[in-house]
Amino acid sequence: MDTSKTGVRMIAGICRQMGIEYAVFSPGSRSAPLVIAFSQIAEIECIVIPDERVAGYFALGLAQQTQKPVAFNGQFKS
């Protein structure tokens, strides 16, 4: 599958150029183009976690452990 959204593909490509190795996503129709674009880049490991809060904390912990930035797509809700 491919995404037709040029901007989304550009974001994924820029993230790879900047050294992003991990991307954490919460599933949903709004994030589908991002998941598709990031999953097409072999150098970026995509991790899908259903709960948005857990995904956010997981991404933060991953960044702390690797000492590298982690792409995160999610929305915290109160």
PDB file of N, CA and C in Angstrom:
ATOM      1  N   MET A   1       0.835  -1.171   0.000  1.00  0.00           N
ATOM      2  CA  MET A   1       0.000   0.000   0.000  1.00  0.00           C
ATOM      3  C   MET A   1       0.886   1.243   0.000  1.00  0.00           C
ATOM      4  N   ASP A   2       0.417   2.274  -0.631  1.00  0.00           N
ATOM      5  CA  ASP A   2       1.159   3.525  -0.728  1.00  0.00           C
ATOM      6  C   ASP A   2       0.242   4.662  -0.312  1.00  0.00           C
ATOM      7  N   THR A   3       0.824   5.737   0.160  1.00  0.00           N
ATOM      8  CA  THR A   3       0.030   6.919   0.480  1.00  0.00           C
ATOM      9  C   THR A   3       0.219   7.958  -0.610  1.00  0.00           C
ATOM     10  N   SER A   4      -0.865   8.604  -0.986  1.00  0.00           N
ATOM     11  CA  SER A   4      -0.801   9.608  -2.044  1.00  0.00           C
ATOM     12  C   SER A   4      -0.526  11.002  -1.474  1.00  0.00           C
ATOM     13  N   LYS A   5      -0.362  11.093  -0.188  1.00  0.00           N
ATOM     14  CA  LYS A   5      -0.141  12.388   0.454  1.00  0.00           C
ATOM     15  C   LYS A   5       1.351  12.728   0.423  1.00  0.00           C
ATOM     16  N   THR A   6       1.707  13.657  -0.443  1.00  0.00           N
ATOM     17  CA  THR A   6       3.107  14.028  -0.646  1.00  0.00           C
ATOM     18  C   THR A   6       3.738  14.559   0.630  1.00  0.00           C
ATOM     19  N   GLY A   7       3.015  15.379   1.360  1.00  0.00           N
ATOM     20  CA  GLY A   7       3.550  15.954   2.593  1.00  0.00           C
ATOM     21  C   GLY A   7       3.892  14.899   3.620  1.00  0.00           C
ATOM     22  N   VAL A   8       3.074  13.877   3.715  1.00  0.00           N
ATOM     23  CA  VAL A   8       3.315  12.801   4.670  1.00  0.00           C
ATOM     24  C   VAL A   8       4.570  12.027   4.288  1.00  0.00           C
ATOM     25  N   ARG A   9       4.737  11.747   3.007  1.00  0.00           N
ATOM     26  CA  ARG A   9       5.949  11.057   2.555  1.00  0.00           C
ATOM     27  C   ARG A   9       7.187  11.904   2.828  1.00  0.00           C
ATOM     28  N   MET A  10       7.051  13.218   2.657  1.00  0.00           N
ATOM     29  CA  MET A  10       8.176  14.115   2.925  1.00  0.00           C
ATOM     30  C   MET A  10       8.544  14.109   4.407  1.00  0.00           C
ATOM     31  N   ILE A  11       7.549  14.105   5.275  1.00  0.00           N
ATOM     32  CA  ILE A  11       7.805  14.071   6.716  1.00  0.00           C
ATOM     33  C   ILE A  11       8.576  12.811   7.083  1.00  0.00           C
ATOM     34  N   ALA A  12       8.139  11.679   6.569  1.00  0.00           N
ATOM     35  CA  ALA A  12       8.822  10.415   6.855  1.00  0.00           C
ATOM     36  C   ALA A  12      10.261  10.443   6.338  1.00  0.00           C
ATOM     37  N   GLY A  13      10.457  10.965   5.145  1.00  0.00           N
ATOM     38  CA  GLY A  13      11.799  11.050   4.575  1.00  0.00           C
ATOM     39  C   GLY A  13      12.709  11.977   5.362  1.00  0.00           C
ATOM     40  N   ILE A  14      12.184  13.101   5.799  1.00  0.00           N
ATOM     41  CA  ILE A  14      12.968  14.045   6.600  1.00  0.00           C
ATOM     42  C   ILE A  14      13.338  13.420   7.933  1.00  0.00           C
ATOM     43  N   CYS A  15      12.386  12.712   8.534  1.00  0.00           N
ATOM     44  CA  CYS A  15      12.685  12.035   9.801  1.00  0.00           C
ATOM     45  C   CYS A  15      13.831  11.048   9.629  1.00  0.00           C
ATOM     46  N   ARG A  16      13.842  10.315   8.537  1.00  0.00           N
ATOM     47  CA  ARG A  16      14.939   9.367   8.289  1.00  0.00           C
ATOM     48  C   ARG A  16      16.253  10.104   8.095  1.00  0.00           C
ATOM     49  N   GLN A  17      16.224  11.204   7.357  1.00  0.00           N
ATOM     50  CA  GLN A  17      17.440  11.993   7.147  1.00  0.00           C
ATOM     51  C   GLN A  17      17.982  12.548   8.455  1.00  0.00           C
ATOM     52  N   MET A  18      17.081  12.823   9.404  1.00  0.00           N
ATOM     53  CA  MET A  18      17.482  13.373  10.691  1.00  0.00           C
ATOM     54  C   MET A  18      17.906  12.288  11.683  1.00  0.00           C
ATOM     55  N   GLY A  19      17.874  11.034  11.258  1.00  0.00           N
ATOM     56  CA  GLY A  19      18.371   9.949  12.089  1.00  0.00           C
ATOM     57  C   GLY A  19      17.335   9.243  12.939  1.00  0.00           C
ATOM     58  N   ILE A  20      16.068   9.485  12.680  1.00  0.00           N
ATOM     59  CA  ILE A  20      15.014   8.788  13.417  1.00  0.00           C
ATOM     60  C   ILE A  20      15.080   7.299  13.081  1.00  0.00           C
ATOM     61  N   GLU A  21      15.120   6.460  14.107  1.00  0.00           N
ATOM     62  CA  GLU A  21      15.175   5.016  13.897  1.00  0.00           C
ATOM     63  C   GLU A  21      13.894   4.323  14.343  1.00  0.00           C
ATOM     64  N   TYR A  22      13.090   4.991  15.171  1.00  0.00           N
ATOM     65  CA  TYR A  22      11.857   4.403  15.696  1.00  0.00           C
ATOM     66  C   TYR A  22      10.698   5.379  15.529  1.00  0.00           C
ATOM     67  N   ALA A  23       9.535   4.829  15.226  1.00  0.00           N
ATOM     68  CA  ALA A  23       8.298   5.617  15.159  1.00  0.00           C
ATOM     69  C   ALA A  23       7.227   4.842  15.918  1.00  0.00           C
ATOM     70  N   VAL A  24       6.567   5.520  16.852  1.00  0.00           N
ATOM     71  CA  VAL A  24       5.538   4.895  17.668  1.00  0.00           C
ATOM     72  C   VAL A  24       4.196   5.495  17.267  1.00  0.00           C
ATOM     73  N   PHE A  25       3.223   4.629  16.990  1.00  0.00           N
ATOM     74  CA  PHE A  25       1.917   5.067  16.521  1.00  0.00           C
ATOM     75  C   PHE A  25       0.803   4.480  17.365  1.00  0.00           C
ATOM     76  N   SER A  26      -0.295   5.214  17.438  1.00  0.00           N
ATOM     77  CA  SER A  26      -1.555   4.698  17.957  1.00  0.00           C
ATOM     78  C   SER A  26      -2.482   4.581  16.765  1.00  0.00           C
ATOM     79  N   PRO A  27      -3.145   3.432  16.608  1.00  0.00           N
ATOM     80  CA  PRO A  27      -3.953   3.218  15.405  1.00  0.00           C
ATOM     81  C   PRO A  27      -5.147   4.160  15.311  1.00  0.00           C
ATOM     82  N   GLY A  28      -5.495   4.479  14.106  1.00  0.00           N
ATOM     83  CA  GLY A  28      -6.643   5.334  13.836  1.00  0.00           C
ATOM     84  C   GLY A  28      -6.597   5.813  12.401  1.00  0.00           C
ATOM     85  N   SER A  29      -7.730   6.244  11.908  1.00  0.00           N
ATOM     86  CA  SER A  29      -7.790   6.656  10.505  1.00  0.00           C
ATOM     87  C   SER A  29      -6.948   7.908  10.243  1.00  0.00           C
ATOM     88  N   ARG A  30      -6.795   8.767  11.247  1.00  0.00           N
ATOM     89  CA  ARG A  30      -5.997   9.981  11.042  1.00  0.00           C
ATOM     90  C   ARG A  30      -4.516   9.677  10.898  1.00  0.00           C
ATOM     91  N   SER A  31      -4.050   8.611  11.544  1.00  0.00           N
ATOM     92  CA  SER A  31      -2.626   8.296  11.494  1.00  0.00           C
ATOM     93  C   SER A  31      -2.275   7.302  10.389  1.00  0.00           C
ATOM     94  N   ALA A  32      -3.261   6.776   9.687  1.00  0.00           N
ATOM     95  CA  ALA A  32      -3.006   5.758   8.664  1.00  0.00           C
ATOM     96  C   ALA A  32      -1.993   6.210   7.604  1.00  0.00           C
ATOM     97  N   PRO A  33      -2.112   7.414   7.046  1.00  0.00           N
ATOM     98  CA  PRO A  33      -1.102   7.818   6.047  1.00  0.00           C
ATOM     99  C   PRO A  33       0.314   7.877   6.622  1.00  0.00           C
ATOM    100  N   LEU A  34       0.444   8.298   7.883  1.00  0.00           N
ATOM    101  CA  LEU A  34       1.772   8.334   8.508  1.00  0.00           C
ATOM    102  C   LEU A  34       2.326   6.932   8.696  1.00  0.00           C
ATOM    103  N   VAL A  35       1.506   6.019   9.164  1.00  0.00           N
ATOM    104  CA  VAL A  35       1.947   4.636   9.367  1.00  0.00           C
ATOM    105  C   VAL A  35       2.397   4.031   8.042  1.00  0.00           C
ATOM    106  N   ILE A  36       1.640   4.273   6.988  1.00  0.00           N
ATOM    107  CA  ILE A  36       1.997   3.744   5.669  1.00  0.00           C
ATOM    108  C   ILE A  36       3.332   4.321   5.208  1.00  0.00           C
ATOM    109  N   ALA A  37       3.495   5.634   5.327  1.00  0.00           N
ATOM    110  CA  ALA A  37       4.723   6.282   4.855  1.00  0.00           C
ATOM    111  C   ALA A  37       5.942   5.822   5.648  1.00  0.00           C
ATOM    112  N   PHE A  38       5.823   5.772   6.975  1.00  0.00           N
ATOM    113  CA  PHE A  38       6.956   5.355   7.796  1.00  0.00           C
ATOM    114  C   PHE A  38       7.280   3.880   7.603  1.00  0.00           C
ATOM    115  N   SER A  39       6.261   3.047   7.409  1.00  0.00           N
ATOM    116  CA  SER A  39       6.513   1.615   7.257  1.00  0.00           C
ATOM    117  C   SER A  39       7.215   1.282   5.942  1.00  0.00           C
ATOM    118  N   GLN A  40       7.206   2.185   4.994  1.00  0.00           N
ATOM    119  CA  GLN A  40       7.895   1.959   3.721  1.00  0.00           C
ATOM    120  C   GLN A  40       9.379   2.300   3.792  1.00  0.00           C
ATOM    121  N   ILE A  41       9.825   2.826   4.918  1.00  0.00           N
ATOM    122  CA  ILE A  41      11.239   3.148   5.100  1.00  0.00           C
ATOM    123  C   ILE A  41      11.855   2.049   5.962  1.00  0.00           C
ATOM    124  N   ALA A  42      12.717   1.252   5.364  1.00  0.00           N
ATOM    125  CA  ALA A  42      13.266   0.077   6.048  1.00  0.00           C
ATOM    126  C   ALA A  42      14.097   0.446   7.279  1.00  0.00           C
ATOM    127  N   GLU A  43      14.691   1.616   7.278  1.00  0.00           N
ATOM    128  CA  GLU A  43      15.570   2.008   8.386  1.00  0.00           C
ATOM    129  C   GLU A  43      14.803   2.463   9.630  1.00  0.00           C
ATOM    130  N   ILE A  44      13.501   2.663   9.514  1.00  0.00           N
ATOM    131  CA  ILE A  44      12.690   3.103  10.649  1.00  0.00           C
ATOM    132  C   ILE A  44      11.813   1.946  11.112  1.00  0.00           C
ATOM    133  N   GLU A  45      11.961   1.587  12.383  1.00  0.00           N
ATOM    134  CA  GLU A  45      11.130   0.531  12.957  1.00  0.00           C
ATOM    135  C   GLU A  45       9.839   1.154  13.477  1.00  0.00           C
ATOM    136  N   CYS A  46       8.712   0.676  12.980  1.00  0.00           N
ATOM    137  CA  CYS A  46       7.404   1.178  13.397  1.00  0.00           C
ATOM    138  C   CYS A  46       6.842   0.288  14.497  1.00  0.00           C
ATOM    139  N   ILE A  47       6.399   0.931  15.571  1.00  0.00           N
ATOM    140  CA  ILE A  47       5.822   0.222  16.705  1.00  0.00           C
ATOM    141  C   ILE A  47       4.412   0.757  16.891  1.00  0.00           C
ATOM    142  N   VAL A  48       3.433  -0.140  16.915  1.00  0.00           N
ATOM    143  CA  VAL A  48       2.031   0.263  17.074  1.00  0.00           C
ATOM    144  C   VAL A  48       1.551  -0.170  18.455  1.00  0.00           C
ATOM    145  N   ILE A  49       1.051   0.800  19.214  1.00  0.00           N
ATOM    146  CA  ILE A  49       0.522   0.551  20.555  1.00  0.00           C
ATOM    147  C   ILE A  49      -0.872   1.158  20.602  1.00  0.00           C
ATOM    148  N   PRO A  50      -1.908   0.345  20.863  1.00  0.00           N
ATOM    149  CA  PRO A  50      -3.296   0.829  20.785  1.00  0.00           C
ATOM    150  C   PRO A  50      -3.630   1.993  21.721  1.00  0.00           C
ATOM    151  N   ASP A  51      -3.157   1.965  22.941  1.00  0.00           N
ATOM    152  CA  ASP A  51      -3.489   3.024  23.888  1.00  0.00           C
ATOM    153  C   ASP A  51      -2.559   4.220  23.691  1.00  0.00           C
ATOM    154  N   GLU A  52      -3.135   5.397  23.455  1.00  0.00           N
ATOM    155  CA  GLU A  52      -2.332   6.579  23.131  1.00  0.00           C
ATOM    156  C   GLU A  52      -1.423   7.009  24.276  1.00  0.00           C
ATOM    157  N   ARG A  53      -1.902   6.917  25.490  1.00  0.00           N
ATOM    158  CA  ARG A  53      -1.068   7.318  26.630  1.00  0.00           C
ATOM    159  C   ARG A  53       0.114   6.375  26.797  1.00  0.00           C
ATOM    160  N   VAL A  54      -0.157   5.091  26.704  1.00  0.00           N
ATOM    161  CA  VAL A  54       0.921   4.106  26.804  1.00  0.00           C
ATOM    162  C   VAL A  54       1.922   4.326  25.682  1.00  0.00           C
ATOM    163  N   ALA A  55       1.433   4.593  24.479  1.00  0.00           N
ATOM    164  CA  ALA A  55       2.323   4.831  23.339  1.00  0.00           C
ATOM    165  C   ALA A  55       3.223   6.039  23.593  1.00  0.00           C
ATOM    166  N   GLY A  56       2.662   7.093  24.165  1.00  0.00           N
ATOM    167  CA  GLY A  56       3.446   8.288  24.461  1.00  0.00           C
ATOM    168  C   GLY A  56       4.547   8.019  25.473  1.00  0.00           C
ATOM    169  N   TYR A  57       4.204   7.322  26.540  1.00  0.00           N
ATOM    170  CA  TYR A  57       5.208   6.990  27.551  1.00  0.00           C
ATOM    171  C   TYR A  57       6.238   6.004  27.013  1.00  0.00           C
ATOM    172  N   PHE A  58       5.793   5.079  26.169  1.00  0.00           N
ATOM    173  CA  PHE A  58       6.722   4.136  25.553  1.00  0.00           C
ATOM    174  C   PHE A  58       7.723   4.885  24.676  1.00  0.00           C
ATOM    175  N   ALA A  59       7.225   5.820  23.860  1.00  0.00           N
ATOM    176  CA  ALA A  59       8.106   6.607  22.982  1.00  0.00           C
ATOM    177  C   ALA A  59       9.105   7.421  23.807  1.00  0.00           C
ATOM    178  N   LEU A  60       8.642   8.001  24.902  1.00  0.00           N
ATOM    179  CA  LEU A  60       9.527   8.775  25.771  1.00  0.00           C
ATOM    180  C   LEU A  60      10.611   7.881  26.368  1.00  0.00           C
ATOM    181  N   GLY A  61      10.224   6.709  26.876  1.00  0.00           N
ATOM    182  CA  GLY A  61      11.200   5.782  27.444  1.00  0.00           C
ATOM    183  C   GLY A  61      12.186   5.277  26.403  1.00  0.00           C
ATOM    184  N   LEU A  62      11.700   5.026  25.195  1.00  0.00           N
ATOM    185  CA  LEU A  62      12.575   4.578  24.105  1.00  0.00           C
ATOM    186  C   LEU A  62      13.597   5.663  23.762  1.00  0.00           C
ATOM    187  N   ALA A  63      13.158   6.897  23.740  1.00  0.00           N
ATOM    188  CA  ALA A  63      14.074   8.013  23.462  1.00  0.00           C
ATOM    189  C   ALA A  63      15.115   8.154  24.571  1.00  0.00           C
ATOM    190  N   GLN A  64      14.682   7.969  25.808  1.00  0.00           N
ATOM    191  CA  GLN A  64      15.630   8.061  26.926  1.00  0.00           C
ATOM    192  C   GLN A  64      16.659   6.937  26.878  1.00  0.00           C
ATOM    193  N   GLN A  65      16.217   5.736  26.559  1.00  0.00           N
ATOM    194  CA  GLN A  65      17.125   4.592  26.543  1.00  0.00           C
ATOM    195  C   GLN A  65      18.107   4.640  25.377  1.00  0.00           C
ATOM    196  N   THR A  66      17.646   5.079  24.219  1.00  0.00           N
ATOM    197  CA  THR A  66      18.508   5.106  23.031  1.00  0.00           C
ATOM    198  C   THR A  66      19.275   6.416  22.897  1.00  0.00           C
ATOM    199  N   GLN A  67      18.861   7.433  23.666  1.00  0.00           N
ATOM    200  CA  GLN A  67      19.458   8.770  23.569  1.00  0.00           C
ATOM    201  C   GLN A  67      19.319   9.347  22.159  1.00  0.00           C
ATOM    202  N   LYS A  68      18.218   8.968  21.487  1.00  0.00           N
ATOM    203  CA  LYS A  68      17.920   9.466  20.139  1.00  0.00           C
ATOM    204  C   LYS A  68      16.453   9.855  20.083  1.00  0.00           C
ATOM    205  N   PRO A  69      16.105  10.796  19.211  1.00  0.00           N
ATOM    206  CA  PRO A  69      14.689  11.164  19.087  1.00  0.00           C
ATOM    207  C   PRO A  69      13.860  10.030  18.521  1.00  0.00           C
ATOM    208  N   VAL A  70      12.585   9.998  18.910  1.00  0.00           N
ATOM    209  CA  VAL A  70      11.634   8.983  18.454  1.00  0.00           C
ATOM    210  C   VAL A  70      10.417   9.713  17.896  1.00  0.00           C
ATOM    211  N   ALA A  71       9.979   9.335  16.709  1.00  0.00           N
ATOM    212  CA  ALA A  71       8.763   9.922  16.134  1.00  0.00           C
ATOM    213  C   ALA A  71       7.560   9.329  16.862  1.00  0.00           C
ATOM    214  N   PHE A  72       6.595  10.180  17.195  1.00  0.00           N
ATOM    215  CA  PHE A  72       5.405   9.730  17.915  1.00  0.00           C
ATOM    216  C   PHE A  72       4.179  10.378  17.313  1.00  0.00           C
ATOM    217  N   ASN A  73       3.170   9.563  17.041  1.00  0.00           N
ATOM    218  CA  ASN A  73       1.904  10.068  16.539  1.00  0.00           C
ATOM    219  C   ASN A  73       0.834   9.624  17.515  1.00  0.00           C
ATOM    220  N   GLY A  74       0.324  10.554  18.245  1.00  0.00           N
ATOM    221  CA  GLY A  74      -0.736  10.235  19.208  1.00  0.00           C
ATOM    222  C   GLY A  74      -1.280  11.521  19.790  1.00  0.00           C
ATOM    223  N   GLN A  75      -2.309  11.374  20.520  1.00  0.00           N
ATOM    224  CA  GLN A  75      -2.937  12.553  21.114  1.00  0.00           C
ATOM    225  C   GLN A  75      -3.317  12.181  22.535  1.00  0.00           C
ATOM    226  N   PHE A  76      -2.832  12.946  23.480  1.00  0.00           N
ATOM    227  CA  PHE A  76      -3.184  12.689  24.859  1.00  0.00           C
ATOM    228  C   PHE A  76      -4.554  13.256  25.137  1.00  0.00           C
ATOM    229  N   LYS A  77      -5.369  12.480  25.796  1.00  0.00           N
ATOM    230  CA  LYS A  77      -6.720  12.928  26.139  1.00  0.00           C
ATOM    231  C   LYS A  77      -6.861  12.923  27.646  1.00  0.00           C
ATOM    232  N   SER A  78      -7.577  13.903  28.160  1.00  0.00           N
ATOM    233  CA  SER A  78      -7.780  13.928  29.606  1.00  0.00           C
ATOM    234  C   SER A  78      -9.217  13.561  29.949  1.00  0.00           C
TER     235      SER A  78
END
